[in-house]
N, C-alpha and C. Protein backbone atom coordinates (compact mmCIF):
# COMPACT_ATOMS: atom_id res chain seq x y z
N UNK A 1 -47.90 -23.99 6.84
CA UNK A 1 -47.24 -23.97 5.39
C UNK A 1 -45.74 -23.58 5.60
N UNK A 2 -45.00 -23.90 4.96
CA UNK A 2 -43.72 -23.53 4.75
C UNK A 2 -43.30 -22.70 4.23
N UNK A 3 -42.53 -21.68 4.74
CA UNK A 3 -41.61 -20.33 3.99
C UNK A 3 -40.54 -20.53 3.47
N UNK A 4 -40.22 -20.83 2.32
CA UNK A 4 -38.98 -20.46 1.62
C UNK A 4 -38.04 -19.37 1.68
N UNK A 5 -37.20 -19.57 2.25
CA UNK A 5 -36.01 -18.28 2.05
C UNK A 5 -35.79 -17.98 0.92
N UNK A 6 -35.49 -16.89 -0.11
CA UNK A 6 -35.42 -16.92 -1.20
C UNK A 6 -33.85 -15.92 -1.17
N UNK A 7 -33.63 -16.13 -2.42
CA UNK A 7 -32.18 -15.99 -2.50
C UNK A 7 -31.86 -14.65 -3.13
N UNK A 8 -32.97 -14.12 -3.48
CA UNK A 8 -33.41 -12.75 -4.05
C UNK A 8 -32.62 -11.55 -3.74
N UNK A 9 -32.16 -11.17 -2.50
CA UNK A 9 -31.77 -10.38 -1.83
C UNK A 9 -30.23 -10.17 -1.99
N UNK A 10 -29.52 -11.28 -1.73
CA UNK A 10 -28.10 -11.78 -2.05
C UNK A 10 -28.21 -11.61 -3.68
N UNK A 11 -29.00 -11.94 -4.62
CA UNK A 11 -28.50 -12.01 -5.76
C UNK A 11 -28.89 -10.44 -6.26
N UNK A 12 -29.29 -9.95 -5.73
CA UNK A 12 -29.45 -8.05 -5.95
C UNK A 12 -28.20 -7.50 -5.35
N UNK A 13 -27.77 -8.02 -4.21
CA UNK A 13 -26.35 -7.52 -3.59
C UNK A 13 -25.28 -8.05 -4.57
N UNK A 14 -25.27 -8.75 -5.25
CA UNK A 14 -24.30 -9.38 -6.22
C UNK A 14 -24.38 -8.56 -7.16
N UNK A 15 -25.47 -8.39 -7.92
CA UNK A 15 -25.45 -7.35 -9.01
C UNK A 15 -24.69 -5.71 -8.58
N UNK A 16 -25.52 -5.61 -7.55
CA UNK A 16 -24.61 -3.86 -7.36
C UNK A 16 -23.30 -4.32 -7.01
N UNK A 17 -22.81 -5.38 -6.56
CA UNK A 17 -21.37 -5.46 -6.39
C UNK A 17 -20.54 -5.39 -7.70
N UNK A 18 -21.27 -6.12 -8.78
CA UNK A 18 -20.60 -6.14 -10.22
C UNK A 18 -20.69 -4.85 -10.54
N UNK A 19 -21.83 -3.87 -10.27
CA UNK A 19 -22.03 -2.64 -11.18
C UNK A 19 -20.75 -1.74 -10.52
N UNK A 20 -20.69 -1.69 -9.31
CA UNK A 20 -19.65 -1.17 -8.47
C UNK A 20 -18.27 -1.24 -8.94
N UNK A 21 -17.92 -2.69 -9.25
CA UNK A 21 -16.31 -2.99 -9.47
C UNK A 21 -16.22 -2.78 -10.93
N UNK A 22 -17.46 -2.44 -11.70
CA UNK A 22 -17.22 -2.22 -13.23
C UNK A 22 -16.93 -0.59 -13.16
N UNK A 23 -17.69 0.49 -12.46
CA UNK A 23 -17.60 1.69 -12.04
C UNK A 23 -16.43 1.88 -11.78
N UNK A 24 -15.69 1.17 -11.05
CA UNK A 24 -14.08 1.37 -10.25
C UNK A 24 -13.40 1.40 -11.33
N UNK A 25 -13.34 0.02 -11.89
CA UNK A 25 -12.22 -0.11 -13.19
C UNK A 25 -12.37 0.69 -13.96
N UNK A 26 -13.64 1.39 -14.80
CA UNK A 26 -13.51 2.29 -15.64
C UNK A 26 -12.86 3.63 -15.20
N UNK A 27 -13.29 4.08 -14.08
CA UNK A 27 -12.59 5.19 -13.41
C UNK A 27 -10.69 4.95 -13.32
N UNK A 28 -10.01 3.59 -13.11
CA UNK A 28 -8.96 3.76 -12.89
C UNK A 28 -8.63 3.52 -14.22
N UNK A 29 -8.95 3.05 -15.43
CA UNK A 29 -8.67 3.11 -16.70
C UNK A 29 -8.32 4.44 -17.08
N UNK A 30 -9.46 5.11 -16.77
CA UNK A 30 -9.57 6.35 -17.69
C UNK A 30 -8.12 7.57 -16.87
N UNK A 31 -8.05 7.47 -15.71
CA UNK A 31 -6.92 7.89 -14.95
C UNK A 31 -5.82 7.28 -15.65
N UNK A 32 -5.43 6.37 -15.93
CA UNK A 32 -4.32 5.58 -16.24
C UNK A 32 -3.71 5.99 -17.83
N UNK A 33 -4.70 6.88 -18.49
CA UNK A 33 -4.37 7.25 -19.85
C UNK A 33 -3.86 8.32 -19.78
N UNK A 34 -2.81 8.55 -20.74
CA UNK A 34 -1.82 9.80 -20.88
C UNK A 34 -2.53 10.74 -21.50
N UNK A 35 -2.38 11.72 -20.88
CA UNK A 35 -3.19 13.03 -21.73
C UNK A 35 -2.93 13.27 -23.08
N UNK A 36 -4.01 13.85 -23.95
CA UNK A 36 -3.58 13.95 -25.18
C UNK A 36 -2.65 14.90 -25.54
N UNK A 37 -1.71 14.88 -26.74
CA UNK A 37 -0.90 15.59 -27.06
C UNK A 37 -1.09 17.17 -27.62
N UNK A 38 -0.20 18.12 -26.83
CA UNK A 38 -0.65 19.46 -27.36
C UNK A 38 -0.11 19.50 -28.56
N UNK A 39 -1.33 20.11 -29.31
CA UNK A 39 -0.73 20.72 -30.64
C UNK A 39 0.30 21.27 -30.78
N UNK A 40 1.26 21.31 -31.87
CA UNK A 40 2.62 22.10 -31.86
C UNK A 40 1.93 23.38 -32.48
N UNK A 41 2.19 24.68 -32.22
CA UNK A 41 2.09 25.87 -32.64
C UNK A 41 2.90 26.00 -33.73
N UNK A 42 2.36 26.74 -35.01
CA UNK A 42 3.17 26.64 -35.94
C UNK A 42 4.05 28.30 -36.00
N UNK A 43 5.20 27.87 -36.50
CA UNK A 43 6.02 28.40 -36.55
C UNK A 43 6.09 29.73 -37.43
N UNK A 44 6.65 31.05 -37.02
CA UNK A 44 6.14 32.24 -37.95
C UNK A 44 6.47 32.26 -39.14
N UNK A 45 5.86 32.80 -40.11
CA UNK A 45 6.25 32.34 -41.54
C UNK A 45 5.86 31.32 -41.91
N UNK A 46 5.21 30.25 -41.70
CA UNK A 46 4.94 29.29 -42.31
C UNK A 46 3.28 29.14 -42.66
N UNK A 47 3.28 28.53 -43.73
CA UNK A 47 1.82 28.70 -44.27
C UNK A 47 1.06 30.03 -45.16
N UNK A 48 2.50 30.83 -44.93
CA UNK A 48 1.99 31.96 -45.90
C UNK A 48 2.38 32.09 -47.37
N UNK A 49 1.35 32.57 -48.00
CA UNK A 49 1.47 32.78 -49.40
C UNK A 49 3.39 33.09 -49.74
N UNK A 50 3.88 34.22 -49.38
CA UNK A 50 4.80 34.27 -49.76
C UNK A 50 6.22 33.97 -48.73
N UNK A 51 6.91 33.18 -48.99
CA UNK A 51 7.88 33.01 -48.28
C UNK A 51 8.98 34.03 -47.72
N UNK A 52 9.38 34.25 -46.59
CA UNK A 52 10.31 35.21 -46.02
C UNK A 52 11.33 34.48 -46.06
N UNK A 53 12.54 35.11 -46.58
CA UNK A 53 13.99 34.42 -46.04
C UNK A 53 14.06 34.66 -44.41
N UNK A 54 14.54 33.78 -43.93
CA UNK A 54 14.82 33.64 -42.49
C UNK A 54 16.06 32.80 -42.51
N UNK A 55 16.74 32.91 -41.22
CA UNK A 55 17.89 32.28 -41.00
C UNK A 55 17.65 31.03 -40.93
N UNK A 56 18.57 29.87 -40.97
CA UNK A 56 18.16 28.70 -40.19
C UNK A 56 18.28 28.42 -39.17
N UNK A 57 17.43 27.53 -38.28
CA UNK A 57 17.47 27.63 -36.86
C UNK A 57 18.83 27.06 -36.35
N UNK A 58 19.02 27.30 -35.08
CA UNK A 58 20.50 26.93 -34.98
C UNK A 58 20.00 25.53 -34.39
N UNK A 59 20.73 24.65 -34.02
CA UNK A 59 20.85 23.28 -33.30
C UNK A 59 20.57 23.47 -31.89
N UNK A 60 20.47 24.43 -31.27
CA UNK A 60 20.24 24.84 -29.89
C UNK A 60 19.62 26.10 -29.69
N UNK A 61 18.37 25.91 -29.91
CA UNK A 61 17.25 26.93 -29.62
C UNK A 61 16.72 27.65 -28.26
N UNK A 62 17.39 26.52 -27.45
CA UNK A 62 16.89 27.04 -26.19
C UNK A 62 17.88 26.34 -25.23
N UNK A 63 18.47 26.94 -24.15
CA UNK A 63 19.11 26.08 -22.88
C UNK A 63 18.33 25.53 -21.96
N UNK A 64 18.58 24.38 -21.89
CA UNK A 64 18.04 23.82 -20.63
C UNK A 64 19.03 23.23 -19.71
N UNK A 65 18.51 23.56 -18.68
CA UNK A 65 20.10 23.34 -17.47
C UNK A 65 19.39 22.27 -16.62
N UNK A 66 20.16 20.95 -16.04
CA UNK A 66 19.70 19.90 -15.43
C UNK A 66 20.79 19.69 -14.26
N UNK A 67 20.69 18.52 -13.50
CA UNK A 67 21.38 18.02 -12.74
C UNK A 67 22.01 16.83 -13.34
N UNK A 68 23.48 17.21 -13.56
CA UNK A 68 24.02 15.70 -13.83
C UNK A 68 23.71 14.55 -13.60
N UNK A 69 24.01 13.24 -14.04
CA UNK A 69 23.92 12.02 -13.72
C UNK A 69 24.72 11.55 -12.89
N UNK A 70 26.25 11.71 -13.00
CA UNK A 70 27.00 11.41 -12.74
C UNK A 70 27.73 12.36 -11.22
N UNK A 71 27.67 11.92 -10.65
CA UNK A 71 28.25 12.85 -9.18
C UNK A 71 30.18 12.67 -9.30
N UNK A 72 30.61 13.81 -9.13
CA UNK A 72 31.58 14.04 -8.54
C UNK A 72 31.87 13.78 -6.55
N UNK A 73 32.74 12.69 -6.09
CA UNK A 73 33.04 12.31 -5.31
C UNK A 73 33.94 12.64 -4.40
N UNK A 74 33.79 13.22 -3.42
CA UNK A 74 35.07 13.75 -2.79
C UNK A 74 34.87 13.26 -1.03
N UNK A 75 35.60 12.66 -0.85
CA UNK A 75 36.14 12.08 0.85
C UNK A 75 37.17 12.60 1.50
N UNK A 76 36.91 12.97 2.90
CA UNK A 76 38.04 13.48 3.56
C UNK A 76 37.34 12.99 5.08
N UNK A 77 38.51 13.71 6.00
CA UNK A 77 38.15 13.37 7.32
C UNK A 77 38.01 14.66 8.11
N UNK A 78 37.19 14.65 9.06
CA UNK A 78 36.95 15.97 9.81
C UNK A 78 37.31 15.54 11.12
N UNK A 79 37.55 16.53 12.29
CA UNK A 79 37.19 16.10 13.73
C UNK A 79 35.60 16.40 14.11
N UNK A 80 35.07 15.43 14.58
CA UNK A 80 33.55 15.46 14.73
C UNK A 80 33.16 16.54 15.70
N UNK A 81 34.43 17.00 17.06
CA UNK A 81 33.83 17.42 17.71
C UNK A 81 34.56 18.68 17.79
N UNK A 82 34.80 19.40 16.92
CA UNK A 82 35.65 20.58 16.47
C UNK A 82 34.07 21.54 16.36
N UNK A 83 34.92 22.82 16.86
CA UNK A 83 33.72 23.97 16.56
C UNK A 83 33.54 24.26 15.15
N UNK A 84 32.61 25.32 14.85
CA UNK A 84 32.18 25.39 13.92
C UNK A 84 33.19 26.04 13.04
N UNK A 85 33.88 27.15 13.85
CA UNK A 85 35.22 27.62 12.89
C UNK A 85 36.43 26.83 12.78
N UNK A 86 36.76 25.76 13.40
CA UNK A 86 37.41 24.63 13.15
C UNK A 86 37.05 23.83 11.79
N UNK A 87 35.80 23.82 12.07
CA UNK A 87 34.92 22.73 11.04
C UNK A 87 35.31 23.48 9.60
N UNK A 88 35.00 24.68 9.57
CA UNK A 88 34.84 25.55 8.12
C UNK A 88 36.19 25.69 7.93
N UNK A 89 37.48 25.83 8.89
CA UNK A 89 38.91 25.68 8.08
C UNK A 89 39.01 24.24 7.29
N UNK A 90 38.71 23.06 8.10
CA UNK A 90 38.97 22.05 7.62
C UNK A 90 38.23 21.64 6.09
N UNK A 91 37.21 21.98 6.45
CA UNK A 91 36.36 21.89 5.13
C UNK A 91 36.97 22.77 4.03
N UNK A 92 37.35 23.89 4.14
CA UNK A 92 37.75 24.84 3.15
C UNK A 92 39.01 24.00 2.57
N UNK A 93 40.05 23.67 3.62
CA UNK A 93 41.23 23.23 3.16
C UNK A 93 41.07 22.00 2.23
N UNK A 94 40.00 21.04 2.55
CA UNK A 94 39.74 19.80 2.25
C UNK A 94 39.14 20.03 0.48
N UNK A 95 38.02 20.85 0.30
CA UNK A 95 37.61 21.09 -0.53
C UNK A 95 38.60 22.08 -1.96
N UNK A 96 39.43 22.73 -0.96
CA UNK A 96 40.62 23.41 -1.78
C UNK A 96 41.63 22.21 -2.54
N UNK A 97 41.66 21.11 -2.27
CA UNK A 97 42.32 20.07 -2.89
C UNK A 97 41.74 19.64 -4.39
N UNK A 98 40.43 20.19 -4.48
CA UNK A 98 39.65 19.58 -5.58
C UNK A 98 39.54 20.71 -6.44
N UNK A 99 39.78 21.69 -6.45
CA UNK A 99 39.32 22.74 -6.76
C UNK A 99 39.48 22.66 -8.46
N UNK A 100 40.32 22.03 -8.95
CA UNK A 100 40.28 22.09 -10.05
C UNK A 100 38.77 20.97 -10.94
N UNK A 101 38.21 20.20 -9.84
CA UNK A 101 37.22 19.64 -10.12
C UNK A 101 35.63 20.31 -9.97
N UNK A 102 36.04 21.77 -9.07
CA UNK A 102 35.08 22.14 -8.77
C UNK A 102 34.81 23.66 -9.23
N UNK A 103 35.86 24.13 -10.12
CA UNK A 103 36.11 25.39 -10.36
C UNK A 103 35.21 25.36 -11.38
N UNK A 104 34.49 26.75 -11.17
CA UNK A 104 33.62 27.17 -12.23
C UNK A 104 32.26 26.64 -12.82
N UNK A 105 32.21 25.58 -11.33
CA UNK A 105 30.72 24.81 -11.42
C UNK A 105 29.77 25.16 -10.62
N UNK A 106 28.57 24.72 -10.48
CA UNK A 106 27.51 24.96 -9.39
C UNK A 106 27.09 23.88 -9.06
N UNK A 107 27.01 23.49 -7.90
CA UNK A 107 26.49 22.14 -7.50
C UNK A 107 24.63 22.38 -7.36
N UNK A 108 23.81 21.20 -7.99
CA UNK A 108 22.45 21.13 -7.71
C UNK A 108 22.05 20.62 -6.60
N UNK A 109 22.72 19.35 -6.27
CA UNK A 109 22.56 18.93 -5.24
C UNK A 109 23.58 18.08 -4.39
N UNK A 110 23.67 17.87 -3.43
CA UNK A 110 24.85 17.51 -2.37
C UNK A 110 24.47 16.17 -1.72
N UNK A 111 24.88 15.35 -1.66
CA UNK A 111 24.06 13.82 -0.64
C UNK A 111 25.91 13.72 0.26
N UNK A 112 25.57 13.97 1.47
CA UNK A 112 26.88 14.08 2.31
C UNK A 112 26.58 13.16 3.52
N UNK A 113 27.54 12.36 3.41
CA UNK A 113 27.54 11.06 4.30
C UNK A 113 28.49 11.29 5.72
N UNK A 114 28.16 11.16 6.55
CA UNK A 114 28.79 11.70 8.17
C UNK A 114 28.89 10.33 8.74
N UNK A 115 29.92 10.21 9.39
CA UNK A 115 30.22 8.94 10.43
C UNK A 115 30.87 9.62 11.86
N UNK A 116 29.88 9.53 12.59
CA UNK A 116 30.39 9.89 14.32
C UNK A 116 29.39 9.27 15.26
N UNK A 117 29.82 8.15 15.45
CA UNK A 117 29.05 7.66 16.79
C UNK A 117 27.54 6.69 16.29
N UNK A 118 26.95 7.38 16.84
CA UNK A 118 25.15 7.14 16.26
C UNK A 118 24.93 7.61 14.98
N UNK A 119 23.95 7.11 14.23
CA UNK A 119 22.91 7.34 13.22
C UNK A 119 22.93 9.28 13.54
N UNK A 120 22.21 9.54 14.64
CA UNK A 120 21.82 11.11 14.57
C UNK A 120 22.97 12.07 14.89
N UNK A 121 23.96 11.64 15.22
CA UNK A 121 25.26 12.29 15.11
C UNK A 121 25.91 12.34 13.89
N UNK A 122 25.79 11.45 12.92
CA UNK A 122 26.48 11.08 12.00
C UNK A 122 25.81 12.17 11.21
N UNK A 123 24.53 11.94 11.16
CA UNK A 123 23.42 13.09 10.25
C UNK A 123 23.58 14.76 10.41
N UNK A 124 23.64 14.84 11.93
CA UNK A 124 24.40 16.33 12.27
C UNK A 124 25.64 16.76 12.23
N UNK A 125 26.80 15.82 11.78
CA UNK A 125 27.98 16.24 11.50
C UNK A 125 27.87 16.31 9.72
N UNK A 126 26.80 15.53 8.61
CA UNK A 126 27.17 15.65 8.03
C UNK A 126 26.42 17.24 7.69
N UNK A 127 25.63 17.72 7.92
CA UNK A 127 24.71 18.77 8.44
C UNK A 127 25.56 19.92 8.45
N UNK A 128 26.33 19.77 9.52
CA UNK A 128 27.49 21.11 9.54
C UNK A 128 28.38 20.85 8.67
N UNK A 129 28.57 20.06 7.94
CA UNK A 129 29.91 20.17 6.86
C UNK A 129 29.13 20.67 5.56
N UNK A 130 27.81 20.65 5.21
CA UNK A 130 27.06 20.94 4.27
C UNK A 130 27.36 22.55 4.69
N UNK A 131 26.83 23.00 5.70
CA UNK A 131 26.92 24.39 6.34
C UNK A 131 28.37 24.92 5.83
N UNK A 132 29.06 24.54 6.24
CA UNK A 132 30.49 24.79 5.99
C UNK A 132 30.70 25.01 4.73
N UNK A 133 30.44 24.03 3.51
CA UNK A 133 30.70 24.09 2.45
C UNK A 133 30.07 25.38 1.87
N UNK A 134 28.91 25.44 2.37
CA UNK A 134 28.10 26.57 1.67
C UNK A 134 28.87 27.89 2.02
N UNK A 135 29.56 28.05 3.39
CA UNK A 135 29.96 29.55 3.68
C UNK A 135 31.64 29.58 3.17
N UNK A 136 32.02 28.11 2.88
CA UNK A 136 33.53 28.25 2.42
C UNK A 136 33.59 28.88 0.75
N UNK A 137 32.28 28.22 -0.13
CA UNK A 137 32.34 28.20 -1.11
C UNK A 137 31.07 28.80 -1.71
N UNK A 138 30.60 29.96 -1.27
CA UNK A 138 29.33 30.16 -1.51
C UNK A 138 28.70 30.20 -3.24
N UNK A 139 29.70 30.09 -4.32
CA UNK A 139 29.58 30.12 -5.75
C UNK A 139 29.08 28.71 -5.62
N UNK A 140 29.46 28.00 -5.40
CA UNK A 140 29.57 26.36 -5.73
C UNK A 140 28.13 26.06 -4.90
N UNK A 141 28.18 26.15 -3.53
CA UNK A 141 27.08 25.31 -2.76
C UNK A 141 25.84 25.87 -2.16
N UNK A 142 26.04 27.07 -2.10
CA UNK A 142 25.05 27.99 -1.42
C UNK A 142 23.70 27.89 -2.21
N UNK A 143 23.23 27.31 -3.37
CA UNK A 143 21.71 26.98 -3.97
C UNK A 143 21.85 25.48 -3.97
N UNK A 144 22.73 24.92 -3.60
CA UNK A 144 22.34 23.30 -3.90
C UNK A 144 21.43 22.86 -2.91
N UNK A 145 20.50 21.86 -3.22
CA UNK A 145 19.83 21.41 -2.41
C UNK A 145 20.79 20.25 -1.69
N UNK A 146 20.54 20.08 -0.30
CA UNK A 146 21.28 18.96 0.29
C UNK A 146 20.79 18.16 1.06
N UNK A 147 21.30 17.00 1.41
CA UNK A 147 20.80 15.94 1.89
C UNK A 147 22.18 15.06 2.74
N UNK A 148 21.55 15.18 3.98
CA UNK A 148 22.72 14.53 5.07
C UNK A 148 22.22 12.94 5.79
N UNK A 149 23.37 12.50 5.72
CA UNK A 149 23.28 10.50 5.98
C UNK A 149 24.27 10.69 6.60
N UNK A 150 23.64 9.22 7.25
CA UNK A 150 24.84 8.54 8.22
C UNK A 150 25.51 7.45 7.66
N UNK A 151 26.83 7.34 7.59
CA UNK A 151 27.83 6.28 7.26
C UNK A 151 27.93 5.22 8.21
N UNK A 152 27.53 4.15 7.87
CA UNK A 152 27.46 3.13 9.02
C UNK A 152 28.82 2.45 9.11
N UNK A 153 29.32 2.29 7.80
CA UNK A 153 30.70 1.66 7.56
C UNK A 153 31.93 2.19 7.76
N UNK A 154 31.76 3.60 7.71
CA UNK A 154 33.25 4.40 7.66
C UNK A 154 33.42 4.65 9.41
N UNK A 155 34.41 5.04 9.30
CA UNK A 155 35.18 5.52 10.79
C UNK A 155 34.66 6.74 11.29
N UNK A 156 34.79 6.88 12.57
CA UNK A 156 34.27 8.18 12.81
C UNK A 156 34.92 9.18 12.38
N UNK A 157 34.57 10.55 11.97
CA UNK A 157 34.96 11.56 11.47
C UNK A 157 35.06 11.38 9.93
N UNK A 158 34.67 10.30 9.59
CA UNK A 158 34.90 10.36 7.79
C UNK A 158 33.71 11.43 7.17
N UNK A 159 33.81 12.24 6.13
CA UNK A 159 32.99 12.65 5.43
C UNK A 159 32.71 12.24 3.67
N UNK A 160 32.20 11.72 3.36
CA UNK A 160 31.84 11.15 1.93
C UNK A 160 30.83 11.80 1.24
N UNK A 161 31.40 12.94 -0.07
CA UNK A 161 30.07 13.89 -0.64
C UNK A 161 29.87 13.48 -1.95
N UNK A 162 28.76 13.52 -2.40
CA UNK A 162 28.29 13.07 -3.70
C UNK A 162 27.68 14.48 -4.26
N UNK A 163 28.75 15.12 -5.20
CA UNK A 163 28.19 16.55 -5.74
C UNK A 163 27.99 16.50 -7.11
N UNK A 164 26.25 16.53 -7.12
CA UNK A 164 25.46 16.68 -8.55
C UNK A 164 25.53 17.91 -9.03
N UNK A 165 26.42 18.05 -10.08
CA UNK A 165 26.56 19.26 -10.88
C UNK A 165 25.42 19.86 -11.77
N UNK A 166 24.89 21.27 -11.58
CA UNK A 166 24.32 21.64 -12.28
C UNK A 166 24.95 21.62 -13.96
N UNK A 167 24.03 21.22 -15.20
CA UNK A 167 24.81 21.20 -16.17
C UNK A 167 23.88 21.71 -17.20
N UNK A 168 24.44 22.42 -18.28
CA UNK A 168 23.47 23.06 -19.24
C UNK A 168 23.74 22.38 -19.94
N UNK A 169 23.07 22.18 -21.40
CA UNK A 169 22.84 21.77 -22.39
C UNK A 169 21.77 22.23 -23.36
N UNK A 170 21.48 21.67 -24.67
CA UNK A 170 20.73 22.27 -25.53
C UNK A 170 19.31 21.49 -25.53
N UNK A 171 18.51 22.29 -25.57
CA UNK A 171 17.20 21.57 -25.80
C UNK A 171 16.89 21.36 -27.55
N UNK A 172 16.60 20.09 -27.86
CA UNK A 172 16.43 20.19 -29.20
C UNK A 172 15.34 20.72 -29.64
N UNK A 173 15.17 21.15 -30.98
CA UNK A 173 14.49 21.97 -31.79
C UNK A 173 13.89 21.00 -32.42
N UNK A 174 11.96 21.40 -32.38
CA UNK A 174 11.15 20.54 -32.92
C UNK A 174 11.22 20.40 -34.43
N UNK A 175 11.90 21.56 -35.14
CA UNK A 175 12.20 21.65 -36.26
C UNK A 175 13.41 20.56 -36.72
N UNK A 176 13.65 19.88 -37.68
CA UNK A 176 14.98 19.14 -38.16
C UNK A 176 15.34 19.55 -39.39
């Protein structure tokens, strides 16, 4: 007698594979959906039988702060081999040249690009400049998030700062 190999096991495996793929796609589709909207809370005085006089809501019900999308750019040169005290003085003098653009503002994020030989040295110089700026003008830079980079195209000792200031604005009210 000749025994035939049946294709039943491979057919069963194909069915399980199809079921697993369908389950995976279902999970992906459920995870990709946006959460349902949160129902709005009724404002005080709405839906009551006797309307109470209330002042009209101001167009700026809440203050929202964020980081401005457009940075203030400042570039200057420092001695990359200077001591921390000398660097602090240089950074203070250079930033004072831009006092009209910095006065009364708070930095939310500062990107500093330093050039000083190799990439690690440029990042180290940018780190030192950010520390000096924070010491020189703590009201502006102390709470800012800083990121330090190396500038490949600039000559040694070049500093380029992109300062993103905190901006205050109105949050629109839900009622118009």
